[in-house]
C-alpha atoms as a PDB file:
ATOM      1  CA  UNK A   1     -13.957  15.020  38.312  1.00  0.00           C
ATOM      2  CA  UNK A   2     -14.112  17.418  41.203  1.00  0.00           C
ATOM      3  CA  UNK A   3     -11.258  17.212  43.701  1.00  0.00           C
ATOM      4  CA  UNK A   4     -12.515  18.313  47.071  1.00  0.00           C
ATOM      5  CA  UNK A   5     -16.086  17.702  45.783  1.00  0.00           C
ATOM      6  CA  UNK A   6     -17.473  17.070  49.261  1.00  0.00           C
ATOM      7  CA  UNK A   7     -16.625  20.574  50.412  1.00  0.00           C
ATOM      8  CA  UNK A   8     -18.255  23.948  50.189  1.00  0.00           C
ATOM      9  CA  UNK A   9     -17.421  24.887  46.578  1.00  0.00           C
ATOM     10  CA  UNK A  10     -17.303  21.264  45.359  1.00  0.00           C
ATOM     11  CA  UNK A  11     -20.907  20.659  46.400  1.00  0.00           C
ATOM     12  CA  UNK A  12     -22.037  23.846  44.742  1.00  0.00           C
ATOM     13  CA  UNK A  13     -20.320  22.900  41.509  1.00  0.00           C
ATOM     14  CA  UNK A  14     -21.548  19.309  41.781  1.00  0.00           C
ATOM     15  CA  UNK A  15     -25.160  20.425  41.775  1.00  0.00           C
ATOM     16  CA  UNK A  16     -24.646  22.479  38.625  1.00  0.00           C
ATOM     17  CA  UNK A  17     -22.949  19.603  36.822  1.00  0.00           C
ATOM     18  CA  UNK A  18     -25.649  17.103  37.775  1.00  0.00           C
ATOM     19  CA  UNK A  19     -28.281  19.513  36.445  1.00  0.00           C
ATOM     20  CA  UNK A  20     -26.406  19.233  33.095  1.00  0.00           C
ATOM     21  CA  UNK A  21     -26.502  15.380  33.393  1.00  0.00           C
ATOM     22  CA  UNK A  22     -22.741  15.118  33.693  1.00  0.00           C
ATOM     23  CA  UNK A  23     -21.150  11.925  34.979  1.00  0.00           C
ATOM     24  CA  UNK A  24     -19.222  13.110  38.020  1.00  0.00           C
ATOM     25  CA  UNK A  25     -16.410  11.589  40.057  1.00  0.00           C
ATOM     26  CA  UNK A  26     -15.499  13.123  43.458  1.00  0.00           C
ATOM     27  CA  UNK A  27     -12.074  12.589  45.046  1.00  0.00           C
ATOM     28  CA  UNK A  28     -11.838  13.554  48.720  1.00  0.00           C
ATOM     29  CA  UNK A  29     -10.901  12.356  52.218  1.00  0.00           C
ATOM     30  CA  UNK A  30     -14.251  13.449  53.710  1.00  0.00           C
ATOM     31  CA  UNK A  31     -17.278  11.310  54.543  1.00  0.00           C
ATOM     32  CA  UNK A  32     -19.028  10.626  51.167  1.00  0.00           C
ATOM     33  CA  UNK A  33     -22.461   9.825  52.712  1.00  0.00           C
ATOM     34  CA  UNK A  34     -24.113  13.184  51.899  1.00  0.00           C
ATOM     35  CA  UNK A  35     -23.289  12.859  48.133  1.00  0.00           C
ATOM     36  CA  UNK A  36     -26.205  12.358  45.734  1.00  0.00           C
ATOM     37  CA  UNK A  37     -26.798   8.862  44.326  1.00  0.00           C
ATOM     38  CA  UNK A  38     -24.977   8.134  41.116  1.00  0.00           C
ATOM     39  CA  UNK A  39     -21.885  10.223  41.943  1.00  0.00           C
ATOM     40  CA  UNK A  40     -18.697   8.159  41.859  1.00  0.00           C
ATOM     41  CA  UNK A  41     -16.603   8.650  45.029  1.00  0.00           C
ATOM     42  CA  UNK A  42     -12.940   7.887  45.529  1.00  0.00           C
ATOM     43  CA  UNK A  43     -11.455   8.338  48.987  1.00  0.00           C
ATOM     44  CA  UNK A  44      -7.978   9.504  48.175  1.00  0.00           C
ATOM     45  CA  UNK A  45      -5.219  11.566  49.754  1.00  0.00           C
ATOM     46  CA  UNK A  46      -4.453  13.858  46.842  1.00  0.00           C
ATOM     47  CA  UNK A  47      -1.125  15.003  48.287  1.00  0.00           C
ATOM     48  CA  UNK A  48       0.155  11.636  47.041  1.00  0.00           C
ATOM     49  CA  UNK A  49       1.096  11.158  43.331  1.00  0.00           C
ATOM     50  CA  UNK A  50      -0.385   7.638  43.030  1.00  0.00           C
ATOM     51  CA  UNK A  51      -3.737   8.910  44.327  1.00  0.00           C
ATOM     52  CA  UNK A  52      -3.892  11.712  41.737  1.00  0.00           C
ATOM     53  CA  UNK A  53      -2.998   9.314  38.947  1.00  0.00           C
ATOM     54  CA  UNK A  54      -5.831   6.982  40.001  1.00  0.00           C
ATOM     55  CA  UNK A  55      -8.292   9.890  40.297  1.00  0.00           C
ATOM     56  CA  UNK A  56      -7.647  11.134  36.735  1.00  0.00           C
ATOM     57  CA  UNK A  57      -8.072   7.779  34.954  1.00  0.00           C
ATOM     58  CA  UNK A  58     -10.822   8.023  32.374  1.00  0.00           C
ATOM     59  CA  UNK A  59     -11.654  11.678  33.123  1.00  0.00           C
ATOM     60  CA  UNK A  60     -12.277  14.384  30.499  1.00  0.00           C
ATOM     61  CA  UNK A  61     -12.559  17.492  32.704  1.00  0.00           C
ATOM     62  CA  UNK A  62     -10.908  18.188  36.099  1.00  0.00           C
ATOM     63  CA  UNK A  63     -12.009  20.882  38.549  1.00  0.00           C
ATOM     64  CA  UNK A  64      -9.067  21.105  40.978  1.00  0.00           C
ATOM     65  CA  UNK A  65     -10.704  22.578  44.085  1.00  0.00           C
ATOM     66  CA  UNK A  66      -8.908  20.568  46.804  1.00  0.00           C
ATOM     67  CA  UNK A  67      -6.991  22.865  49.156  1.00  0.00           C
ATOM     68  CA  UNK A  68      -6.068  23.628  52.721  1.00  0.00           C
ATOM     69  CA  UNK A  69      -7.764  26.671  54.153  1.00  0.00           C
ATOM     70  CA  UNK A  70      -8.346  28.154  57.596  1.00  0.00           C
ATOM     71  CA  UNK A  71      -8.669  31.384  59.520  1.00  0.00           C
ATOM     72  CA  UNK A  72      -5.947  33.980  60.087  1.00  0.00           C
ATOM     73  CA  UNK A  73      -4.980  32.548  63.470  1.00  0.00           C
ATOM     74  CA  UNK A  74      -3.835  29.237  61.918  1.00  0.00           C
ATOM     75  CA  UNK A  75      -1.413  30.822  59.452  1.00  0.00           C
ATOM     76  CA  UNK A  76       1.760  30.349  61.518  1.00  0.00           C
ATOM     77  CA  UNK A  77       1.042  27.291  63.636  1.00  0.00           C
ATOM     78  CA  UNK A  78       0.037  25.230  60.564  1.00  0.00           C
ATOM     79  CA  UNK A  79       2.664  26.610  58.186  1.00  0.00           C
ATOM     80  CA  UNK A  80       3.751  23.245  56.716  1.00  0.00           C
ATOM     81  CA  UNK A  81       0.203  21.996  56.228  1.00  0.00           C
ATOM     82  CA  UNK A  82      -0.786  25.170  54.439  1.00  0.00           C
ATOM     83  CA  UNK A  83       2.313  25.235  52.171  1.00  0.00           C
ATOM     84  CA  UNK A  84       2.628  21.559  51.325  1.00  0.00           C
ATOM     85  CA  UNK A  85      -1.104  20.872  51.338  1.00  0.00           C
ATOM     86  CA  UNK A  86      -1.808  23.538  48.727  1.00  0.00           C
ATOM     87  CA  UNK A  87       1.349  23.067  46.614  1.00  0.00           C
ATOM     88  CA  UNK A  88       1.578  19.282  46.438  1.00  0.00           C
ATOM     89  CA  UNK A  89      -2.075  18.620  45.556  1.00  0.00           C
ATOM     90  CA  UNK A  90      -1.855  20.691  42.386  1.00  0.00           C
ATOM     91  CA  UNK A  91       1.717  19.618  41.487  1.00  0.00           C
ATOM     92  CA  UNK A  92       0.630  15.985  41.409  1.00  0.00           C
ATOM     93  CA  UNK A  93      -2.919  16.562  40.057  1.00  0.00           C
ATOM     94  CA  UNK A  94      -1.914  18.680  37.058  1.00  0.00           C
ATOM     95  CA  UNK A  95       0.865  16.203  36.105  1.00  0.00           C
ATOM     96  CA  UNK A  96      -1.561  13.297  36.431  1.00  0.00           C
ATOM     97  CA  UNK A  97      -4.266  15.100  34.407  1.00  0.00           C
ATOM     98  CA  UNK A  98      -1.924  15.686  31.472  1.00  0.00           C
ATOM     99  CA  UNK A  99      -0.533  12.115  31.532  1.00  0.00           C
ATOM    100  CA  UNK A 100      -4.062  10.700  31.616  1.00  0.00           C
ATOM    101  CA  UNK A 101      -5.191  12.792  28.682  1.00  0.00           C
ATOM    102  CA  UNK A 102      -7.566  15.089  30.526  1.00  0.00           C
ATOM    103  CA  UNK A 103      -9.014  17.552  27.977  1.00  0.00           C
ATOM    104  CA  UNK A 104      -9.593  20.525  30.235  1.00  0.00           C
ATOM    105  CA  UNK A 105      -8.302  21.477  33.690  1.00  0.00           C
ATOM    106  CA  UNK A 106      -9.461  24.217  35.981  1.00  0.00           C
ATOM    107  CA  UNK A 107      -7.273  25.287  38.907  1.00  0.00           C
ATOM    108  CA  UNK A 108      -8.957  27.085  41.777  1.00  0.00           C
ATOM    109  CA  UNK A 109      -6.394  29.518  43.172  1.00  0.00           C
ATOM    110  CA  UNK A 110      -7.262  32.058  45.886  1.00  0.00           C
ATOM    111  CA  UNK A 111      -7.624  35.645  46.842  1.00  0.00           C
ATOM    112  CA  UNK A 112      -4.780  34.896  49.289  1.00  0.00           C
ATOM    113  CA  UNK A 113      -2.173  34.986  46.483  1.00  0.00           C
ATOM    114  CA  UNK A 114      -2.377  38.779  46.298  1.00  0.00           C
ATOM    115  CA  UNK A 115       0.101  41.167  47.923  1.00  0.00           C
ATOM    116  CA  UNK A 116      -0.955  44.165  49.987  1.00  0.00           C
ATOM    117  CA  UNK A 117      -3.405  46.297  48.070  1.00  0.00           C
ATOM    118  CA  UNK A 118      -6.898  47.638  48.445  1.00  0.00           C
ATOM    119  CA  UNK A 119      -7.959  46.429  44.953  1.00  0.00           C
ATOM    120  CA  UNK A 120      -6.701  43.116  43.609  1.00  0.00           C
ATOM    121  CA  UNK A 121      -5.995  43.079  39.866  1.00  0.00           C
ATOM    122  CA  UNK A 122      -5.018  39.865  38.137  1.00  0.00           C
ATOM    123  CA  UNK A 123      -1.796  41.067  36.579  1.00  0.00           C
ATOM    124  CA  UNK A 124      -0.358  42.507  39.831  1.00  0.00           C
ATOM    125  CA  UNK A 125       0.041  39.310  41.835  1.00  0.00           C
ATOM    126  CA  UNK A 126       3.774  38.926  41.170  1.00  0.00           C
ATOM    127  CA  UNK A 127       4.708  42.561  41.895  1.00  0.00           C
ATOM    128  CA  UNK A 128       5.228  41.837  45.631  1.00  0.00           C
ATOM    129  CA  UNK A 129       5.105  38.909  48.093  1.00  0.00           C
ATOM    130  CA  UNK A 130       1.730  38.019  49.677  1.00  0.00           C
ATOM    131  CA  UNK A 131       0.578  39.456  52.958  1.00  0.00           C
ATOM    132  CA  UNK A 132       2.533  37.862  55.888  1.00  0.00           C
ATOM    133  CA  UNK A 133      -0.670  36.641  57.536  1.00  0.00           C
ATOM    134  CA  UNK A 134      -1.339  34.337  54.541  1.00  0.00           C
ATOM    135  CA  UNK A 135       2.259  33.672  53.607  1.00  0.00           C
ATOM    136  CA  UNK A 136       2.383  29.864  53.558  1.00  0.00           C
ATOM    137  CA  UNK A 137      -1.028  29.192  52.100  1.00  0.00           C
ATOM    138  CA  UNK A 138      -0.468  31.965  49.546  1.00  0.00           C
ATOM    139  CA  UNK A 139       2.870  30.613  48.297  1.00  0.00           C
ATOM    140  CA  UNK A 140       1.346  27.138  48.003  1.00  0.00           C
ATOM    141  CA  UNK A 141      -1.373  28.551  45.709  1.00  0.00           C
ATOM    142  CA  UNK A 142       1.100  30.694  43.799  1.00  0.00           C
ATOM    143  CA  UNK A 143       3.183  27.591  43.067  1.00  0.00           C
ATOM    144  CA  UNK A 144       0.061  26.034  41.556  1.00  0.00           C
ATOM    145  CA  UNK A 145      -0.411  28.995  39.260  1.00  0.00           C
ATOM    146  CA  UNK A 146       3.256  28.943  38.243  1.00  0.00           C
ATOM    147  CA  UNK A 147       2.966  25.264  37.420  1.00  0.00           C
ATOM    148  CA  UNK A 148      -0.005  25.964  35.158  1.00  0.00           C
ATOM    149  CA  UNK A 149       2.107  28.556  33.306  1.00  0.00           C
ATOM    150  CA  UNK A 150       5.015  26.100  33.039  1.00  0.00           C
ATOM    151  CA  UNK A 151       2.768  23.440  31.466  1.00  0.00           C
ATOM    152  CA  UNK A 152       1.657  25.931  28.893  1.00  0.00           C
ATOM    153  CA  UNK A 153       5.234  27.009  28.109  1.00  0.00           C
ATOM    154  CA  UNK A 154       6.749  23.502  27.803  1.00  0.00           C
ATOM    155  CA  UNK A 155       3.838  21.352  26.670  1.00  0.00           C
ATOM    156  CA  UNK A 156       1.322  23.768  25.268  1.00  0.00           C
ATOM    157  CA  UNK A 157      -1.114  22.341  27.800  1.00  0.00           C
ATOM    158  CA  UNK A 158      -3.769  25.008  28.484  1.00  0.00           C
ATOM    159  CA  UNK A 159      -5.403  25.388  31.879  1.00  0.00           C
ATOM    160  CA  UNK A 160      -8.013  27.677  33.378  1.00  0.00           C
ATOM    161  CA  UNK A 161      -7.011  29.571  36.550  1.00  0.00           C
ATOM    162  CA  UNK A 162      -9.645  31.262  38.708  1.00  0.00           C
ATOM    163  CA  UNK A 163      -9.096  33.253  41.900  1.00  0.00           C
ATOM    164  CA  UNK A 164     -12.208  33.181  44.057  1.00  0.00           C
ATOM    165  CA  UNK A 165     -12.879  35.774  46.736  1.00  0.00           C
ATOM    166  CA  UNK A 166     -14.063  34.760  50.236  1.00  0.00           C
ATOM    167  CA  UNK A 167     -16.598  31.985  49.502  1.00  0.00           C
ATOM    168  CA  UNK A 168     -19.301  31.037  51.975  1.00  0.00           C
ATOM    169  CA  UNK A 169     -22.427  28.846  51.895  1.00  0.00           C
ATOM    170  CA  UNK A 170     -23.841  25.373  52.786  1.00  0.00           C
ATOM    171  CA  UNK A 171     -21.444  22.399  53.249  1.00  0.00           C
ATOM    172  CA  UNK A 172     -18.705  24.686  54.587  1.00  0.00           C
ATOM    173  CA  UNK A 173     -16.428  23.852  57.476  1.00  0.00           C
ATOM    174  CA  UNK A 174     -18.264  25.191  60.546  1.00  0.00           C
ATOM    175  CA  UNK A 175     -15.722  24.163  63.115  1.00  0.00           C
ATOM    176  CA  UNK A 176     -14.966  27.526  64.857  1.00  0.00           C
ATOM    177  CA  UNK A 177     -11.362  26.433  65.531  1.00  0.00           C
ATOM    178  CA  UNK A 178     -10.444  26.153  61.834  1.00  0.00           C
ATOM    179  CA  UNK A 179     -13.333  27.741  59.862  1.00  0.00           C
ATOM    180  CA  UNK A 180     -13.245  30.888  57.813  1.00  0.00           C
ATOM    181  CA  UNK A 181     -14.976  33.999  59.081  1.00  0.00           C
ATOM    182  CA  UNK A 182     -18.554  33.446  57.908  1.00  0.00           C
ATOM    183  CA  UNK A 183     -19.071  29.800  58.976  1.00  0.00           C
ATOM    184  CA  UNK A 184     -17.106  30.420  62.197  1.00  0.00           C
ATOM    185  CA  UNK A 185     -19.413  33.303  63.150  1.00  0.00           C
ATOM    186  CA  UNK A 186     -22.524  31.303  62.284  1.00  0.00           C
ATOM    187  CA  UNK A 187     -21.356  28.329  64.358  1.00  0.00           C
ATOM    188  CA  UNK A 188     -20.451  30.504  67.353  1.00  0.00           C
ATOM    189  CA  UNK A 189     -23.595  32.578  67.299  1.00  0.00           C
ATOM    190  CA  UNK A 190     -25.840  29.555  67.030  1.00  0.00           C
ATOM    191  CA  UNK A 191     -24.013  27.756  69.866  1.00  0.00           C
ATOM    192  CA  UNK A 192     -25.142  30.587  72.130  1.00  0.00           C
ATOM    193  CA  UNK A 193     -21.771  32.341  72.577  1.00  0.00           C
ATOM    194  CA  UNK A 194     -22.293  35.542  74.531  1.00  0.00           C
ATOM    195  CA  UNK A 195     -20.503  37.865  74.350  1.00  0.00           C
ATOM    196  CA  UNK A 196     -19.518  37.169  70.756  1.00  0.00           C
ATOM    197  CA  UNK A 197     -15.859  38.035  70.586  1.00  0.00           C
ATOM    198  CA  UNK A 198     -14.788  39.171  67.066  1.00  0.00           C
ATOM    199  CA  UNK A 199     -11.182  39.881  66.126  1.00  0.00           C
ATOM    200  CA  UNK A 200     -10.396  43.478  65.091  1.00  0.00           C
ATOM    201  CA  UNK A 201     -12.578  46.553  65.339  1.00  0.00           C
ATOM    202  CA  UNK A 202     -15.028  45.556  62.583  1.00  0.00           C
ATOM    203  CA  UNK A 203     -13.687  47.999  59.994  1.00  0.00           C
ATOM    204  CA  UNK A 204     -11.818  45.355  58.009  1.00  0.00           C
ATOM    205  CA  UNK A 205     -13.368  45.112  54.497  1.00  0.00           C
ATOM    206  CA  UNK A 206     -13.637  41.860  52.541  1.00  0.00           C
ATOM    207  CA  UNK A 207     -15.080  40.637  49.218  1.00  0.00           C
ATOM    208  CA  UNK A 208     -17.566  37.866  49.896  1.00  0.00           C
ATOM    209  CA  UNK A 209     -19.146  35.669  47.257  1.00  0.00           C
ATOM    210  CA  UNK A 210     -21.900  33.118  47.750  1.00  0.00           C
ATOM    211  CA  UNK A 211     -20.990  29.591  46.764  1.00  0.00           C
ATOM    212  CA  UNK A 212     -23.705  29.243  44.079  1.00  0.00           C
ATOM    213  CA  UNK A 213     -22.400  32.330  42.302  1.00  0.00           C
ATOM    214  CA  UNK A 214     -18.803  31.152  42.502  1.00  0.00           C
ATOM    215  CA  UNK A 215     -19.639  27.702  41.189  1.00  0.00           C
ATOM    216  CA  UNK A 216     -21.503  29.241  38.278  1.00  0.00           C
ATOM    217  CA  UNK A 217     -18.517  31.468  37.513  1.00  0.00           C
ATOM    218  CA  UNK A 218     -16.206  28.448  37.539  1.00  0.00           C
ATOM    219  CA  UNK A 219     -18.353  26.464  35.180  1.00  0.00           C
ATOM    220  CA  UNK A 220     -18.532  29.448  32.860  1.00  0.00           C
ATOM    221  CA  UNK A 221     -14.747  29.887  33.010  1.00  0.00           C
ATOM    222  CA  UNK A 222     -14.198  26.188  32.127  1.00  0.00           C
ATOM    223  CA  UNK A 223     -16.522  26.610  29.108  1.00  0.00           C
ATOM    224  CA  UNK A 224     -15.436  29.971  27.834  1.00  0.00           C
ATOM    225  CA  UNK A 225     -12.074  31.157  29.079  1.00  0.00           C
ATOM    226  CA  UNK A 226      -9.296  28.653  28.525  1.00  0.00           C
ATOM    227  CA  UNK A 227      -6.140  30.782  28.262  1.00  0.00           C
ATOM    228  CA  UNK A 228      -4.108  30.053  31.408  1.00  0.00           C
ATOM    229  CA  UNK A 229      -4.752  33.695  32.294  1.00  0.00           C
ATOM    230  CA  UNK A 230      -6.078  34.067  35.877  1.00  0.00           C
ATOM    231  CA  UNK A 231      -9.489  35.593  36.385  1.00  0.00           C
ATOM    232  CA  UNK A 232     -11.005  36.913  39.624  1.00  0.00           C
ATOM    233  CA  UNK A 233     -14.358  35.585  40.800  1.00  0.00           C
ATOM    234  CA  UNK A 234     -15.819  37.965  43.377  1.00  0.00           C
ATOM    235  CA  UNK A 235     -18.492  40.550  43.917  1.00  0.00           C
ATOM    236  CA  UNK A 236     -16.182  43.523  43.488  1.00  0.00           C
ATOM    237  CA  UNK A 237     -17.879  45.303  46.383  1.00  0.00           C
ATOM    238  CA  UNK A 238     -16.726  45.408  49.969  1.00  0.00           C
ATOM    239  CA  UNK A 239     -18.411  44.389  53.140  1.00  0.00           C
ATOM    240  CA  UNK A 240     -17.017  45.317  56.514  1.00  0.00           C
ATOM    241  CA  UNK A 241     -16.792  42.660  59.210  1.00  0.00           C
ATOM    242  CA  UNK A 242     -19.116  44.841  61.269  1.00  0.00           C
ATOM    243  CA  UNK A 243     -21.651  44.767  58.465  1.00  0.00           C
ATOM    244  CA  UNK A 244     -21.265  41.028  58.192  1.00  0.00           C
ATOM    245  CA  UNK A 245     -21.852  40.495  61.909  1.00  0.00           C
ATOM    246  CA  UNK A 246     -24.906  42.820  61.814  1.00  0.00           C
ATOM    247  CA  UNK A 247     -26.356  41.020  58.788  1.00  0.00           C
ATOM    248  CA  UNK A 248     -25.954  37.643  60.479  1.00  0.00           C
ATOM    249  CA  UNK A 249     -27.564  38.801  63.729  1.00  0.00           C
ATOM    250  CA  UNK A 250     -30.587  40.098  61.822  1.00  0.00           C
ATOM    251  CA  UNK A 251     -31.518  36.596  60.754  1.00  0.00           C
ATOM    252  CA  UNK A 252     -30.515  34.465  63.771  1.00  0.00           C
ATOM    253  CA  UNK A 253     -32.795  33.748  66.787  1.00  0.00           C
ATOM    254  CA  UNK A 254     -29.848  34.698  69.000  1.00  0.00           C
ATOM    255  CA  UNK A 255     -28.845  38.181  70.103  1.00  0.00           C
ATOM    256  CA  UNK A 256     -25.400  38.107  71.718  1.00  0.00           C
ATOM    257  CA  UNK A 257     -23.513  41.196  72.728  1.00  0.00           C
ATOM    258  CA  UNK A 258     -20.648  41.784  70.329  1.00  0.00           C
ATOM    259  CA  UNK A 259     -17.184  42.402  71.774  1.00  0.00           C
ATOM    260  CA  UNK A 260     -14.416  43.614  69.426  1.00  0.00           C
ATOM    261  CA  UNK A 261     -10.930  42.345  70.264  1.00  0.00           C
ATOM    262  CA  UNK A 262      -8.442  44.828  68.781  1.00  0.00           C
ATOM    263  CA  UNK A 263      -5.461  42.882  70.196  1.00  0.00           C
ATOM    264  CA  UNK A 264      -5.875  40.045  67.648  1.00  0.00           C
ATOM    265  CA  UNK A 265      -4.431  39.966  64.089  1.00  0.00           C
ATOM    266  CA  UNK A 266      -6.847  40.978  61.321  1.00  0.00           C
ATOM    267  CA  UNK A 267      -4.800  40.461  58.141  1.00  0.00           C
ATOM    268  CA  UNK A 268      -5.191  43.103  55.415  1.00  0.00           C
ATOM    269  CA  UNK A 269      -7.344  46.107  56.246  1.00  0.00           C
ATOM    270  CA  UNK A 270      -9.124  45.958  52.860  1.00  0.00           C
ATOM    271  CA  UNK A 271      -9.292  43.125  50.284  1.00  0.00           C
ATOM    272  CA  UNK A 272     -11.444  43.797  47.217  1.00  0.00           C
ATOM    273  CA  UNK A 273     -11.281  42.200  43.816  1.00  0.00           C
ATOM    274  CA  UNK A 274     -11.264  43.875  40.432  1.00  0.00           C
ATOM    275  CA  UNK A 275     -13.877  41.823  38.578  1.00  0.00           C
ATOM    276  CA  UNK A 276     -13.635  43.629  35.232  1.00  0.00           C
ATOM    277  CA  UNK A 277     -12.158  40.603  33.464  1.00  0.00           C
ATOM    278  CA  UNK A 278     -14.884  38.295  34.727  1.00  0.00           C
ATOM    279  CA  UNK A 279     -17.525  40.659  33.463  1.00  0.00           C
ATOM    280  CA  UNK A 280     -15.943  41.192  30.054  1.00  0.00           C
ATOM    281  CA  UNK A 281     -14.660  37.664  29.348  1.00  0.00           C
ATOM    282  CA  UNK A 282     -17.265  35.551  31.107  1.00  0.00           C
ATOM    283  CA  UNK A 283     -20.218  37.879  31.295  1.00  0.00           C
ATOM    284  CA  UNK A 284     -20.225  36.946  34.986  1.00  0.00           C
ATOM    285  CA  UNK A 285     -22.353  38.919  37.450  1.00  0.00           C
ATOM    286  CA  UNK A 286     -23.137  37.558  40.963  1.00  0.00           C
ATOM    287  CA  UNK A 287     -26.855  36.991  41.493  1.00  0.00           C
ATOM    288  CA  UNK A 288     -26.941  36.755  45.266  1.00  0.00           C
ATOM    289  CA  UNK A 289     -26.771  39.662  47.720  1.00  0.00           C
ATOM    290  CA  UNK A 290     -25.060  39.215  51.084  1.00  0.00           C
ATOM    291  CA  UNK A 291     -28.469  39.113  52.796  1.00  0.00           C
ATOM    292  CA  UNK A 292     -29.692  36.344  50.530  1.00  0.00           C
ATOM    293  CA  UNK A 293     -26.516  34.323  50.878  1.00  0.00           C
ATOM    294  CA  UNK A 294     -26.377  34.631  54.662  1.00  0.00           C
ATOM    295  CA  UNK A 295     -30.062  33.677  55.004  1.00  0.00           C
ATOM    296  CA  UNK A 296     -29.617  30.498  52.887  1.00  0.00           C
ATOM    297  CA  UNK A 297     -26.405  29.517  54.623  1.00  0.00           C
ATOM    298  CA  UNK A 298     -27.901  30.072  58.086  1.00  0.00           C
ATOM    299  CA  UNK A 299     -31.044  28.109  57.270  1.00  0.00           C
ATOM    300  CA  UNK A 300     -28.988  25.217  55.930  1.00  0.00           C
ATOM    301  CA  UNK A 301     -26.813  25.187  59.006  1.00  0.00           C
ATOM    302  CA  UNK A 302     -29.748  25.291  61.467  1.00  0.00           C
ATOM    303  CA  UNK A 303     -31.334  22.387  59.598  1.00  0.00           C
ATOM    304  CA  UNK A 304     -28.180  20.285  59.405  1.00  0.00           C
ATOM    305  CA  UNK A 305     -25.951  21.230  62.371  1.00  0.00           C
ATOM    306  CA  UNK A 306     -26.837  17.994  64.270  1.00  0.00           C
ATOM    307  CA  UNK A 307     -25.781  15.881  61.267  1.00  0.00           C
ATOM    308  CA  UNK A 308     -23.032  17.800  59.636  1.00  0.00           C
ATOM    309  CA  UNK A 309     -20.915  15.588  57.294  1.00  0.00           C
ATOM    310  CA  UNK A 310     -17.655  14.548  58.871  1.00  0.00           C
ATOM    311  CA  UNK A 311     -14.750  16.568  57.489  1.00  0.00           C
ATOM    312  CA  UNK A 312     -11.177  15.323  57.219  1.00  0.00           C
ATOM    313  CA  UNK A 313      -9.072  17.586  59.467  1.00  0.00           C
ATOM    314  CA  UNK A 314      -5.568  18.099  58.115  1.00  0.00           C
ATOM    315  CA  UNK A 315      -4.653  20.124  61.194  1.00  0.00           C
ATOM    316  CA  UNK A 316      -5.025  17.162  63.543  1.00  0.00           C
END
């Protein structure tokens, strides 16, 4: 089962599992119409215990991807949604998985759990609190990791914890009011926004990973690395927001003037992942460059923007 299997990462993982002829169940609140034939779909609110129990019945492997995410500007105004949405889904899902006899369980944490640092190393998460701009979402995800550790301590129930970097690709949320930076920029540029106003001065550095790479890393982690010991899934190389904007504009038919708004919050200045453990334990190396990933994402969006699947909006 893939929780959140209608979303960005869920669809990427779903395609890999179907290639391996897996029988897949998806649990989500989104519109299921874009799902391939043969995929079982349950429309469930996974914040609720009864829904998680229903979702886990008869399942051998759980990929827990369901989460609440959004841009920096939503961090304070949607504090409860970020904290409860991220904490409760995993609290109920992991409990249900164990009670239903699920053999293996993967928890998708987040780069947001890290405190201020330029390089994020797995064993340094608990040294300090997370960055204030991500406080509520981060603590929700940290609670999920702590719960995985508790289940190992008390029950000997092993889980796999992965911390993806900034994922982007097809089937993402492209609503500019709640989307992350890459899909928000694509949506705004393709809508003809001019000037294109971008928060910060463009020097912020982030670690971006294309969805197909991240899904492949998760599948490999589920197969090979089952120690309840978090592992980063990222590129390990930084891209400035200015570079990101320039890359996007190289491949769009639109040429807006870019206006940098230095009065807006930008979060951490630099956020890069140490991917040593992923390379050594999983033999994981991203295959897609930023150029390739942006081109594929942009082409998918331009082909599907008039019929984008309807997403459940927790912020409404």
